[in-house]
Protein backbone atom coordinates (compact mmCIF):
# COMPACT_ATOMS: atom_id res chain seq x y z
CA MET A 1 -8.20 -22.72 -25.45
CA THR A 2 -5.49 -20.85 -26.00
CA ASP A 3 -4.89 -17.40 -26.07
CA THR A 4 -3.14 -16.33 -29.12
CA GLN A 5 -1.77 -12.85 -27.83
CA THR A 6 0.59 -12.39 -25.54
CA LEU A 7 -0.30 -10.26 -22.69
CA ASP A 8 1.97 -7.42 -21.04
CA VAL A 9 1.09 -8.32 -17.71
CA ALA A 10 -0.87 -11.40 -16.32
CA ILE A 11 -2.10 -10.47 -12.71
CA VAL A 12 -3.08 -13.80 -10.59
CA GLY A 13 -5.40 -12.34 -7.72
CA TYR A 14 -7.78 -9.76 -7.88
CA GLY A 15 -8.38 -8.11 -4.46
CA PRO A 16 -7.39 -4.64 -3.62
CA VAL A 17 -3.96 -5.45 -4.90
CA GLY A 18 -4.51 -7.06 -8.25
CA GLN A 19 -7.32 -4.37 -8.48
CA THR A 20 -4.99 -1.50 -8.05
CA LEU A 21 -1.91 -2.87 -10.08
CA SER A 22 -4.87 -3.78 -12.88
CA ILE A 23 -6.05 0.00 -12.64
CA LEU A 24 -2.30 1.65 -12.90
CA LEU A 25 -1.12 -0.43 -15.73
CA GLY A 26 -4.53 -0.24 -17.90
CA ALA A 27 -4.63 3.70 -17.40
CA ARG A 28 -0.98 3.12 -19.40
CA GLY A 29 -2.80 1.14 -22.14
CA TYR A 30 -1.10 -1.58 -21.39
CA ARG A 31 -2.48 -5.47 -22.37
CA VAL A 32 -3.33 -6.45 -18.84
CA ALA A 33 -5.64 -9.57 -17.71
CA ALA A 34 -6.48 -10.28 -14.45
CA PHE A 35 -7.33 -13.89 -12.96
CA ASP A 36 -8.92 -14.59 -9.86
CA ARG A 37 -10.59 -18.14 -8.69
CA TRP A 38 -13.13 -16.93 -6.98
CA PRO A 39 -16.27 -15.88 -9.21
CA SER A 40 -17.41 -12.72 -7.31
CA LEU A 41 -15.74 -10.15 -5.47
CA TYR A 42 -15.42 -11.09 -1.69
CA PRO A 43 -18.55 -9.58 0.07
CA LEU A 44 -17.12 -9.45 3.78
CA PRO A 45 -15.11 -6.86 5.80
CA ARG A 46 -11.76 -7.73 5.87
CA ALA A 47 -8.91 -4.74 6.06
CA VAL A 48 -10.70 -1.51 7.60
CA PHE A 49 -7.46 1.10 7.59
CA HIS A 50 -5.49 2.82 5.00
CA ASP A 51 -3.20 5.48 5.85
CA HIS A 52 -2.35 8.82 3.86
CA GLU A 53 -0.01 7.47 0.97
CA ILE A 54 -2.58 4.99 0.21
CA ARG A 55 -5.16 7.70 -0.06
CA ARG A 56 -2.43 9.40 -2.42
CA VAL A 57 -2.89 6.43 -4.65
CA PHE A 58 -6.47 6.52 -5.06
CA HIS A 59 -6.18 10.39 -5.80
CA ALA A 60 -3.51 9.50 -8.42
CA MET A 61 -5.98 6.62 -9.76
CA GLY A 62 -8.99 9.30 -10.27
CA ILE A 63 -11.13 7.84 -7.32
CA GLY A 64 -9.68 9.78 -4.24
CA ASP A 65 -13.15 11.60 -4.04
CA ASP A 66 -14.91 8.14 -4.16
CA VAL A 67 -13.07 6.55 -1.53
CA ALA A 68 -13.80 9.65 0.72
CA ALA A 69 -17.21 9.04 0.34
CA ILE A 70 -17.13 5.39 1.55
CA SER A 71 -14.38 6.17 4.66
CA GLN A 72 -13.87 8.63 7.39
CA PRO A 73 -10.71 10.08 8.82
CA SER A 74 -8.84 8.31 12.09
CA ALA A 75 -9.12 9.51 15.40
CA ARG A 76 -6.48 8.80 18.00
CA TYR A 77 -5.44 5.27 18.22
CA GLN A 78 -5.27 4.60 22.25
CA TRP A 79 -4.35 1.46 24.17
CA PHE A 80 -5.76 1.04 27.83
CA ASN A 81 -5.15 -1.38 30.44
CA ALA A 82 -7.58 -3.56 31.81
CA ALA A 83 -8.81 -0.40 34.11
CA TRP A 84 -8.90 1.70 30.98
CA ASP A 85 -5.95 3.90 31.91
CA THR A 86 -4.03 4.99 28.66
CA LEU A 87 -0.87 3.44 27.96
CA VAL A 88 -0.09 4.78 24.78
CA GLU A 89 -1.86 7.32 21.88
CA ILE A 90 -0.74 7.35 18.47
CA ASP A 91 -2.32 10.12 16.90
CA TRP A 92 -3.93 9.26 13.41
CA SER A 93 -6.12 11.69 13.66
CA ALA A 94 -2.95 14.49 13.12
CA GLU A 95 -2.00 16.15 9.76
CA SER A 96 0.38 13.92 7.61
CA ILE A 97 2.89 14.58 5.10
CA SER A 98 0.24 13.82 2.16
CA ASP A 99 -2.12 17.06 3.39
CA GLY A 100 -4.93 14.97 5.38
CA PRO A 101 -4.70 13.15 8.36
CA VAL A 102 -2.71 10.14 8.59
CA GLY A 103 -5.47 7.36 8.60
CA TYR A 104 -8.65 6.43 6.98
CA LEU A 105 -11.21 3.95 8.54
CA PHE A 106 -13.26 2.10 5.49
CA ASN A 107 -15.42 -0.71 4.23
CA GLN A 108 -13.55 -3.11 2.17
CA PRO A 109 -16.54 -4.49 0.16
CA LEU A 110 -17.35 -0.75 -0.90
CA LEU A 111 -13.51 -0.39 -1.80
CA GLU A 112 -13.34 -3.21 -3.92
CA ALA A 113 -16.78 -2.35 -5.70
CA LEU A 114 -15.00 1.06 -6.42
CA LEU A 115 -11.58 -0.57 -7.54
CA ASP A 116 -13.62 -3.22 -9.79
CA GLY A 117 -15.64 -0.55 -11.52
CA LYS A 118 -12.42 1.84 -12.62
CA ALA A 119 -10.60 -1.47 -13.54
CA ARG A 120 -13.09 -2.73 -15.90
CA ALA A 121 -13.26 1.07 -17.32
CA GLN A 122 -9.95 0.45 -18.57
CA ARG A 123 -9.89 -0.58 -22.25
CA SER A 124 -6.92 -2.67 -21.79
CA VAL A 125 -7.52 -4.82 -19.11
CA GLU A 126 -9.58 -7.69 -19.26
CA ILE A 127 -11.43 -9.21 -15.71
CA ASN A 128 -11.58 -12.83 -15.59
CA GLN A 129 -13.38 -14.11 -12.19
CA GLY A 130 -13.86 -17.86 -11.45
CA TRP A 131 -10.34 -18.79 -13.11
CA GLU A 132 -8.04 -20.76 -11.32
CA VAL A 133 -4.33 -21.18 -12.45
CA THR A 134 -3.24 -24.83 -12.40
CA ALA A 135 0.11 -24.22 -13.69
CA LEU A 136 3.07 -21.81 -14.59
CA VAL A 137 5.89 -21.84 -16.76
CA GLN A 138 8.29 -19.55 -17.36
CA HIS A 139 10.00 -19.21 -21.03
CA ASP A 140 13.04 -16.98 -22.26
CA ASN A 141 10.29 -13.95 -23.73
CA HIS A 142 7.24 -15.02 -21.72
CA CYS A 143 5.51 -16.58 -19.44
CA GLU A 144 2.54 -19.65 -19.75
CA LEU A 145 -0.18 -19.45 -17.55
CA GLN A 146 -2.52 -23.27 -17.51
CA LEU A 147 -5.99 -22.29 -16.01
CA ARG A 148 -9.39 -23.80 -15.27
CA HIS A 149 -13.18 -22.06 -14.89
CA GLY A 150 -15.34 -23.39 -11.86
CA VAL A 151 -18.45 -22.02 -10.19
CA MET A 152 -19.63 -22.27 -6.77
CA ARG A 153 -22.25 -25.09 -6.09
CA ASP A 154 -23.41 -25.44 -2.50
CA GLY A 155 -20.77 -23.29 -1.51
CA GLN A 156 -17.78 -25.13 -3.12
CA TRP A 157 -15.82 -23.81 -5.82
CA THR A 158 -16.14 -26.53 -8.21
CA PRO A 159 -14.06 -26.89 -11.76
CA ASP A 160 -16.94 -26.61 -14.68
CA GLY A 161 -14.44 -28.40 -17.66
CA GLN A 162 -13.43 -24.70 -19.08
CA THR A 163 -9.56 -24.50 -19.47
CA ARG A 164 -7.38 -22.09 -21.21
CA THR A 165 -3.89 -21.50 -21.66
CA VAL A 166 -2.65 -17.67 -21.82
CA ARG A 167 0.80 -16.10 -22.24
CA ALA A 168 2.31 -12.98 -20.76
CA ARG A 169 5.34 -11.04 -20.65
CA TYR A 170 4.99 -10.60 -17.10
CA VAL A 171 3.17 -12.42 -14.18
CA ILE A 172 2.30 -10.66 -10.82
CA GLY A 173 1.43 -13.04 -7.89
CA ALA A 174 -1.52 -11.02 -6.16
CA ASP A 175 -2.91 -14.46 -4.93
CA GLY A 176 -2.62 -13.96 -0.89
CA ALA A 177 -1.37 -15.73 1.98
CA ASN A 178 -1.51 -19.20 0.05
CA SER A 179 -0.36 -17.84 -3.13
CA PHE A 180 -0.19 -20.57 -5.93
CA VAL A 181 2.51 -18.31 -7.90
CA ARG A 182 4.74 -17.87 -5.29
CA LYS A 183 4.52 -22.01 -4.51
CA ALA A 184 5.09 -22.51 -8.11
CA VAL A 185 8.33 -20.62 -8.74
CA GLY A 186 9.54 -22.20 -5.43
CA ILE A 187 10.01 -18.74 -3.52
CA SER A 188 10.31 -19.83 -0.02
CA GLN A 189 9.26 -17.63 3.14
CA GLU A 190 10.55 -16.76 6.46
CA ASP A 191 8.82 -17.20 9.64
CA LEU A 192 9.34 -13.83 11.78
CA GLY A 193 7.38 -15.54 14.71
CA PHE A 194 4.31 -14.38 15.44
CA GLN A 195 1.35 -16.37 15.61
CA GLU A 196 -2.05 -15.80 17.73
CA ASP A 197 -5.45 -16.75 16.66
CA TRP A 198 -8.44 -13.68 16.86
CA LEU A 199 -12.32 -13.78 16.61
CA VAL A 200 -12.89 -11.07 14.21
CA VAL A 201 -16.55 -9.77 14.62
CA ASP A 202 -18.03 -7.02 12.08
CA ILE A 203 -21.32 -5.45 13.32
CA GLN A 204 -23.72 -2.91 11.78
CA PRO A 205 -25.74 -0.56 14.71
CA ASN A 206 -29.03 0.14 14.34
CA PRO A 207 -30.27 3.41 12.68
CA GLY A 208 -29.84 5.80 15.74
CA VAL A 209 -27.95 3.62 17.80
CA THR A 210 -24.86 5.34 19.47
CA LEU A 211 -22.51 2.74 21.21
CA ASP A 212 -20.00 3.71 24.15
CA VAL A 213 -16.94 2.68 22.88
CA PRO A 214 -13.62 4.23 22.55
CA ASP A 215 -13.25 4.99 18.65
CA ILE A 216 -9.99 3.18 17.87
CA GLY A 217 -8.60 1.51 20.90
CA GLN A 218 -6.90 -1.85 21.99
CA TRP A 219 -7.86 -2.83 25.40
CA CYS A 220 -4.89 -4.82 26.47
CA ASN A 221 -7.22 -6.55 29.39
CA PRO A 222 -5.38 -9.84 30.24
CA ALA A 223 -8.69 -11.26 30.85
CA ARG A 224 -9.29 -10.84 26.87
CA PRO A 225 -7.07 -8.71 24.78
CA THR A 226 -9.50 -6.97 22.47
CA THR A 227 -9.53 -4.42 19.92
CA MET A 228 -12.16 -2.02 18.70
CA VAL A 229 -12.06 -0.09 15.88
CA PRO A 230 -14.57 1.56 13.00
CA GLY A 231 -15.60 -0.36 10.24
CA GLY A 232 -16.11 2.31 7.84
CA PRO A 233 -18.87 4.70 8.03
CA GLY A 234 -21.96 2.95 9.82
CA TYR A 235 -19.94 -0.43 10.80
CA ARG A 236 -18.23 -1.48 13.95
CA ARG A 237 -15.69 -4.13 14.47
CA TRP A 238 -14.39 -5.95 17.58
CA GLU A 239 -11.26 -8.19 17.80
CA PHE A 240 -11.10 -10.90 20.56
CA MET A 241 -7.82 -13.08 21.28
CA ARG A 242 -8.23 -16.60 21.89
CA LEU A 243 -7.27 -17.54 25.01
CA PRO A 244 -5.16 -20.65 25.71
CA HIS A 245 -7.76 -23.06 27.42
CA GLU A 246 -10.42 -22.18 24.19
CA THR A 247 -10.88 -23.64 21.16
CA ILE A 248 -11.51 -22.37 17.99
CA ASP A 249 -14.92 -23.86 17.71
CA ASP A 250 -15.79 -22.08 20.91
CA LEU A 251 -15.23 -18.56 19.77
CA GLN A 252 -17.32 -19.17 16.60
CA GLN A 253 -20.49 -20.27 17.96
CA PRO A 254 -23.21 -17.21 17.91
CA ALA A 255 -23.54 -17.26 21.59
CA LYS A 256 -20.35 -16.95 22.35
CA VAL A 257 -19.71 -13.75 20.18
CA TRP A 258 -22.48 -12.01 21.51
CA GLU A 259 -21.55 -12.86 25.09
CA LEU A 260 -17.78 -11.36 23.87
CA LEU A 261 -19.75 -8.00 22.49
CA SER A 262 -22.06 -7.62 25.16
CA PRO A 263 -20.33 -5.04 27.33
CA TRP A 264 -20.90 -2.58 24.31
CA VAL A 265 -23.64 -3.99 21.95
CA HIS A 266 -26.29 -6.90 21.81
CA PRO A 267 -28.79 -8.07 19.32
CA GLY A 268 -31.30 -5.58 19.76
CA ASN A 269 -29.27 -2.47 18.81
CA ALA A 270 -26.84 -3.99 16.04
CA SER A 271 -27.05 -6.86 13.53
CA LEU A 272 -23.80 -9.39 13.03
CA VAL A 273 -22.31 -8.57 9.61
CA ARG A 274 -19.89 -11.58 10.16
CA HIS A 275 -17.61 -13.33 12.43
CA ALA A 276 -14.74 -15.41 11.61
CA VAL A 277 -11.17 -16.70 13.73
CA TYR A 278 -8.24 -15.47 11.62
CA THR A 279 -4.68 -16.41 12.69
CA PHE A 280 -2.16 -13.42 12.85
CA ARG A 281 0.95 -14.37 11.73
CA SER A 282 4.08 -13.10 10.60
CA LEU A 283 5.44 -14.35 7.11
CA LEU A 284 8.02 -12.70 4.25
CA ALA A 285 8.79 -14.30 1.19
CA SER A 286 12.64 -14.44 0.94
CA GLN A 287 12.48 -13.13 -2.66
CA TRP A 288 10.05 -11.37 -4.57
CA ARG A 289 10.76 -11.30 -8.09
CA GLN A 290 11.79 -15.09 -10.12
CA GLY A 291 12.54 -13.96 -13.74
CA ARG A 292 9.34 -13.22 -14.91
CA VAL A 293 7.36 -13.70 -11.85
CA LEU A 294 6.86 -11.05 -9.06
CA LEU A 295 5.12 -11.13 -5.93
CA ALA A 296 2.85 -8.61 -4.61
CA GLY A 297 0.56 -8.41 -1.30
CA ASP A 298 -0.06 -11.32 1.05
CA ALA A 299 1.70 -13.79 -1.32
CA ALA A 300 5.04 -11.64 -0.31
CA HIS A 301 4.12 -10.52 3.15
CA LEU A 302 1.63 -11.41 6.21
CA MET A 303 1.81 -9.50 9.29
CA PRO A 304 -0.25 -8.92 12.32
CA PRO A 305 -3.13 -6.39 12.05
CA PHE A 306 -1.93 -4.26 15.11
CA MET A 307 -0.61 -1.40 12.72
CA GLY A 308 -3.32 -1.68 9.95
CA GLN A 309 -0.53 -2.09 7.35
CA GLY A 310 -1.55 -5.37 5.77
CA MET A 311 -3.24 -3.90 2.72
CA CYS A 312 -1.39 -1.08 2.53
CA SER A 313 1.67 -2.65 2.37
CA GLY A 314 0.28 -4.43 -0.72
CA ILE A 315 -0.79 -1.34 -2.54
CA ARG A 316 2.45 0.04 -2.19
CA ASP A 317 3.72 -2.88 -3.73
CA ALA A 318 1.58 -2.46 -6.55
CA TRP A 319 2.33 1.57 -6.71
CA ASN A 320 5.98 0.37 -7.30
CA LEU A 321 6.00 -1.86 -9.57
CA ALA A 322 3.68 0.10 -12.15
CA TRP A 323 6.06 2.44 -12.73
CA ARG A 324 8.92 0.13 -12.88
CA LEU A 325 6.93 -2.20 -15.35
CA ASP A 326 5.96 1.00 -17.24
CA LEU A 327 9.72 1.80 -17.78
CA LEU A 328 10.17 -1.26 -18.68
CA LEU A 329 7.54 -2.29 -21.30
CA ARG A 330 8.22 1.70 -22.80
CA GLY A 331 11.77 -0.03 -23.51
CA ILE A 332 13.10 2.62 -21.48
CA ALA A 333 14.80 0.72 -19.10
CA THR A 334 15.92 -3.41 -18.73
CA ASP A 335 14.34 -5.81 -16.78
CA ALA A 336 17.29 -5.23 -14.03
CA LEU A 337 15.26 -2.15 -12.32
CA LEU A 338 13.03 -5.13 -11.41
CA ASP A 339 15.76 -6.26 -9.46
CA SER A 340 15.61 -3.25 -7.20
CA TYR A 341 11.75 -3.89 -6.29
CA THR A 342 12.98 -6.57 -3.57
CA ALA A 343 15.62 -4.31 -2.57
CA GLU A 344 13.28 -1.78 -1.77
CA ARG A 345 9.91 -3.02 -0.03
CA LEU A 346 11.08 -6.37 1.24
CA PRO A 347 13.28 -4.15 3.87
CA GLN A 348 10.48 -1.55 4.43
CA VAL A 349 7.92 -4.21 4.74
CA ARG A 350 10.20 -6.28 7.11
CA ALA A 351 10.25 -3.06 9.39
CA VAL A 352 6.71 -2.74 9.28
CA ILE A 353 6.08 -6.16 9.86
CA GLU A 354 8.54 -5.98 13.09
CA ALA A 355 6.56 -3.21 14.05
CA SER A 356 3.41 -4.83 14.19
CA ILE A 357 4.81 -7.50 15.94
CA ALA A 358 6.29 -5.20 18.75
CA MET A 359 2.94 -3.79 19.11
CA GLY A 360 0.95 -7.18 19.18
CA ARG A 361 3.30 -8.25 21.81
CA VAL A 362 2.23 -5.44 23.96
CA VAL A 363 -1.59 -6.34 23.53
CA CYS A 364 -1.17 -10.36 23.28
CA ILE A 365 -0.80 -10.70 27.05
CA ALA A 366 -3.21 -13.36 29.09
CA ASP A 367 -0.90 -13.58 32.08
CA ALA A 368 -1.83 -10.76 34.84
CA GLU A 369 1.43 -10.62 36.69
CA ALA A 370 2.92 -9.95 33.48
CA ALA A 371 0.42 -7.45 32.04
CA ALA A 372 1.04 -5.70 35.54
CA VAL A 373 4.83 -5.00 34.57
CA ARG A 374 3.78 -4.22 31.15
CA ASP A 375 1.23 -1.79 32.34
CA ALA A 376 3.86 -0.07 34.92
CA ALA A 377 6.21 0.22 32.17
CA PHE A 378 4.35 2.33 29.92
CA LEU A 379 2.74 4.46 32.98
CA ALA A 380 6.23 5.38 34.17
CA GLY A 381 6.94 6.52 30.40
CA GLU A 382 9.79 3.91 30.45
CA VAL A 383 8.93 2.53 26.66
CA PRO A 384 10.49 4.26 23.79
CA PRO A 385 7.91 5.34 21.40
CA LEU A 386 7.46 3.76 18.08
CA PRO A 387 10.31 4.37 15.43
CA PRO A 388 9.04 6.76 12.63
CA PHE A 389 7.56 4.99 9.55
CA PRO A 390 10.23 3.54 7.41
CA GLY A 391 11.42 4.59 3.98
CA LEU A 392 13.28 2.76 1.77
CA ALA A 393 16.64 2.02 2.81
CA GLY A 394 17.95 0.87 -0.91
CA GLY A 395 17.10 0.13 -4.57
CA ALA A 396 16.35 2.98 -6.70
CA VAL A 397 16.91 5.66 -4.44
CA SER A 398 20.49 8.22 -4.39
CA THR A 399 22.14 7.05 -1.11
CA GLY A 400 25.55 7.71 -2.34
CA TYR A 401 25.03 10.92 -3.63
CA GLY A 402 23.64 14.11 -2.49
CA VAL A 403 21.88 14.88 0.78
CA GLN A 404 21.97 12.53 3.09
CA GLY A 405 18.49 11.41 4.85
CA ILE A 406 15.56 12.63 2.53
CA ALA A 407 16.59 9.67 -0.42
CA GLY A 408 14.19 6.79 0.12
CA GLN A 409 11.54 9.34 1.92
CA LEU A 410 8.30 9.93 0.72
CA GLY A 411 7.93 13.40 -0.54
CA VAL A 412 5.84 16.13 0.56
CA HIS A 413 2.40 16.82 -0.60
CA GLY A 414 0.23 19.78 -0.29
CA GLN A 415 -2.09 22.57 -1.75
CA ILE A 416 -0.33 24.72 -4.50
CA GLU A 417 -1.38 27.72 -6.35
CA ASP A 418 -0.84 28.11 -10.16
CA GLY A 419 -2.31 30.66 -12.41
CA GLY A 420 -5.30 31.73 -9.82
CA ARG A 421 -5.84 28.07 -9.38
CA THR A 422 -5.28 26.44 -5.96
CA ALA A 423 -5.33 22.52 -5.50
CA ARG A 424 -3.53 19.34 -4.33
CA PHE A 425 -0.18 19.18 -6.12
CA ASP A 426 -1.30 15.70 -7.98
CA GLU A 427 -4.58 17.85 -9.26
CA LEU A 428 -2.33 20.85 -10.94
CA VAL A 429 0.76 18.64 -11.74
CA PRO A 430 0.41 15.24 -13.69
CA PRO A 431 2.26 12.00 -12.09
CA GLY A 432 5.78 10.72 -13.30
CA PHE A 433 9.20 11.74 -12.70
CA GLN A 434 9.75 15.28 -10.95
CA VAL A 435 12.35 17.81 -10.49
CA ILE A 436 11.33 20.32 -7.89
CA ALA A 437 13.40 23.43 -6.90
CA LEU A 438 12.67 25.86 -4.08
CA ASP A 439 12.35 29.42 -4.95
CA ALA A 440 13.76 28.81 -8.48
CA ASP A 441 13.23 26.92 -11.82
CA PRO A 442 15.09 24.34 -12.01
CA GLY A 443 15.37 24.15 -15.90
CA ALA A 444 17.87 26.77 -15.14
CA PHE A 445 20.62 24.09 -14.07
CA ILE A 446 20.14 21.41 -16.61
CA ASP A 447 22.44 20.69 -19.25
CA ALA A 448 22.16 18.59 -22.35
CA ASP A 449 22.32 15.20 -21.06
CA ALA A 450 20.12 15.86 -18.14
CA ALA A 451 17.89 17.23 -20.74
CA ALA A 452 17.99 14.32 -22.54
CA LEU A 453 17.32 12.07 -19.43
CA LEU A 454 14.24 13.65 -18.31
CA THR A 455 12.62 14.00 -22.24
CA ARG A 456 13.33 10.39 -22.20
CA LEU A 457 11.53 9.97 -18.43
CA GLY A 458 8.60 12.36 -19.60
CA ALA A 459 9.76 14.25 -16.57
CA ARG A 460 8.40 17.67 -15.19
CA THR A 461 10.54 20.39 -13.72
CA LEU A 462 8.83 23.15 -11.61
CA GLY A 463 9.81 25.30 -8.74
CA VAL A 464 7.67 26.02 -5.50
CA THR A 465 8.01 29.00 -3.37
CA THR A 466 6.45 31.07 -0.61
CA ASP A 467 7.48 34.45 -2.37
CA PRO A 468 4.82 35.75 -4.37
CA SER A 469 8.22 38.07 -6.20
CA LYS A 470 9.59 34.41 -7.32
CA VAL A 471 6.00 32.84 -8.69
CA ARG A 472 6.39 32.30 -12.74
CA PRO A 473 2.97 30.66 -13.80
CA GLY A 474 3.65 27.04 -15.06
CA ARG A 475 7.19 26.92 -13.92
CA VAL A 476 7.52 28.24 -10.25
CA LEU A 477 4.54 27.79 -8.16
CA ARG A 478 2.99 29.20 -4.78
CA ASP A 479 3.42 26.89 -2.27
CA VAL A 480 0.22 27.87 -0.43
CA SER A 481 0.55 26.31 3.43
CA GLY A 482 4.61 26.57 2.93
CA ARG A 483 4.90 22.90 3.45
CA TYR A 484 7.54 22.54 0.30
CA ALA A 485 9.66 25.08 1.88
CA ARG A 486 9.39 23.38 5.86
CA PHE A 487 9.99 19.86 3.93
CA PHE A 488 13.16 21.26 1.72
CA ALA A 489 14.51 23.44 5.28
CA GLU A 490 14.08 20.14 7.52
CA HIS A 491 16.32 18.15 5.07
CA GLY A 492 18.53 21.04 3.93
CA VAL A 493 17.86 20.75 0.32
CA ARG A 494 17.24 23.15 -2.42
CA LEU A 495 16.08 20.77 -4.88
CA ILE A 496 14.80 17.15 -4.94
CA VAL A 497 14.01 14.53 -7.91
CA VAL A 498 10.81 12.48 -7.08
CA ARG A 499 9.74 8.92 -8.50
CA PRO A 500 6.19 8.63 -9.92
CA ASP A 501 5.65 6.83 -6.88
CA TYR A 502 6.05 9.67 -4.83
CA TYR A 503 9.24 8.45 -3.09
CA VAL A 504 11.98 11.12 -2.93
CA TYR A 505 15.12 9.95 -5.19
CA GLY A 506 17.76 11.99 -3.85
CA GLY A 507 18.03 16.05 -3.10
CA VAL A 508 21.12 18.26 -3.11
CA SER A 509 22.22 21.55 -1.31
CA ASP A 510 23.10 23.30 -4.25
CA PRO A 511 20.87 23.25 -7.68
CA ALA A 512 24.34 23.16 -9.74
CA GLN A 513 24.58 19.42 -8.48
CA LEU A 514 21.15 18.59 -10.53
CA PRO A 515 22.95 16.96 -13.58
CA ALA A 516 25.30 14.70 -11.28
CA LEU A 517 22.33 13.46 -9.37
CA LEU A 518 20.42 12.81 -12.57
CA ALA A 519 23.27 10.87 -13.69
CA HIS A 520 23.16 8.48 -10.79
CA LEU A 521 19.27 8.61 -11.28
CA ALA A 522 20.38 7.20 -14.98
CA ASP A 523 22.38 4.51 -13.55
CA ALA A 524 19.74 3.07 -10.96
CA LEU A 525 17.00 2.91 -13.45
CA ALA A 526 19.02 0.20 -15.62
CA LEU A 527 18.37 2.46 -19.10
CA ALA A 528 17.99 0.48 -22.04
CA PRO A 529 20.71 1.74 -25.02
CA ALA A 530 18.81 5.17 -26.37
CA PRO A 531 17.32 4.30 -29.58
CA TYR A 532 19.48 5.18 -32.66
CA ARG A 533 18.61 8.48 -34.20
CA ARG A 534 19.96 8.80 -38.04
CA MET A 535 21.74 12.89 -37.99
CA ALA A 536 20.12 15.07 -40.20
CA ALA A 537 22.22 15.60 -43.40
């Protein structure tokens, strides 16, 4: 069967990354079809952590409150030595730049069910489960996918003889670590050098049971490096490193699982949800675009879990791609805009992987002498803290004009008040390109060319202020907590341009520089020629 329509975007893979991109593009009205080999959503936990930036994405998709109901704010992330001395603490409960704590713990099957429901509610989105891609061919103006359908028989995916051909202007490979899409277009991977086997165990304590266990911790015990973390409300997870003398089969025996859990939990007070050995690896695709095909999520990158950034990084990919594809499919930008996708995402993800590896190498020490040296260095304060979370160092950010140091940073988010209503910024101001000035209406600094660009992008201009005398309903909004004033002061700017993904394109210290900053933005977006308009007689 050959589908007669040409889709705007075909998404291969329907985990959280494919689901997110389906929602973001479907909400904009694009013809999207998602395909996944498995006939149903994966029913067992995998990822358990998302950070404040990803919570903002969920709010933007209209499921922020729903996600809050199935997650819990993070506590401090503590690392202990074998004697339970604290080696390091990372305060994931602290207030973040995004108007909430740094991190949250959740149950992935519940999250995927939410995302699936939201994706299916988009009228222009088609969800196809049980369909495996068998061939991918690129043409000048579209891609062609060959697919076959399968069902589960005796625990195995089995083709049932149905096939179809699908055409799409663009294809996104969000099909996991063994990505067919990545291999089909010949994109290579770089191995960054980390590989360890860990047993991952999820349990559900019985009602009323309270476990004596650190809320979020790494027990850096050379006898058995161990991770302990909530698995979302009502669940707990342990991860145990495989020791050199053990086999994977050794670790996967139920009796061995309960033996490892025995210091904290036993079959009488909890049930085993699942257990499996995973190989934690560090892989990075060499490029994330090949013509009309782009990669996202585990198809583009794999990382150790010690920063909780695997799923988060994949959702950032989808978030980054959505606004680019929107400009492209609306005819506002040329497809050269897709070239900066790799330039932005790959360096940021590389930095996150390298930090995750560094953390993993602290944890994954199974030699007592080496662990003693590590412990002494941490307890003496000789180990520098982890670097701050990386922003964007290249791509569509203004690193060559304006105040340096703010371009590519995640923008601030907080409570604002307008017309007597106080709410989150993203509840009062629709998403998209934004020009935000401190203590002023940026409209006063816009010339004709800047106005034409902002109109074409559908951008919004507004001011924020802590000074009640400068508030102008609908134009200059009250900065309720002073977050925006502090952010502007910290970076030495009076005006910023923010992208649809909440990253700062650039900032200037003098609002009169806005037209020049916007001219640089126009170049960075690889805009298509403006449509010709006949002059009135």
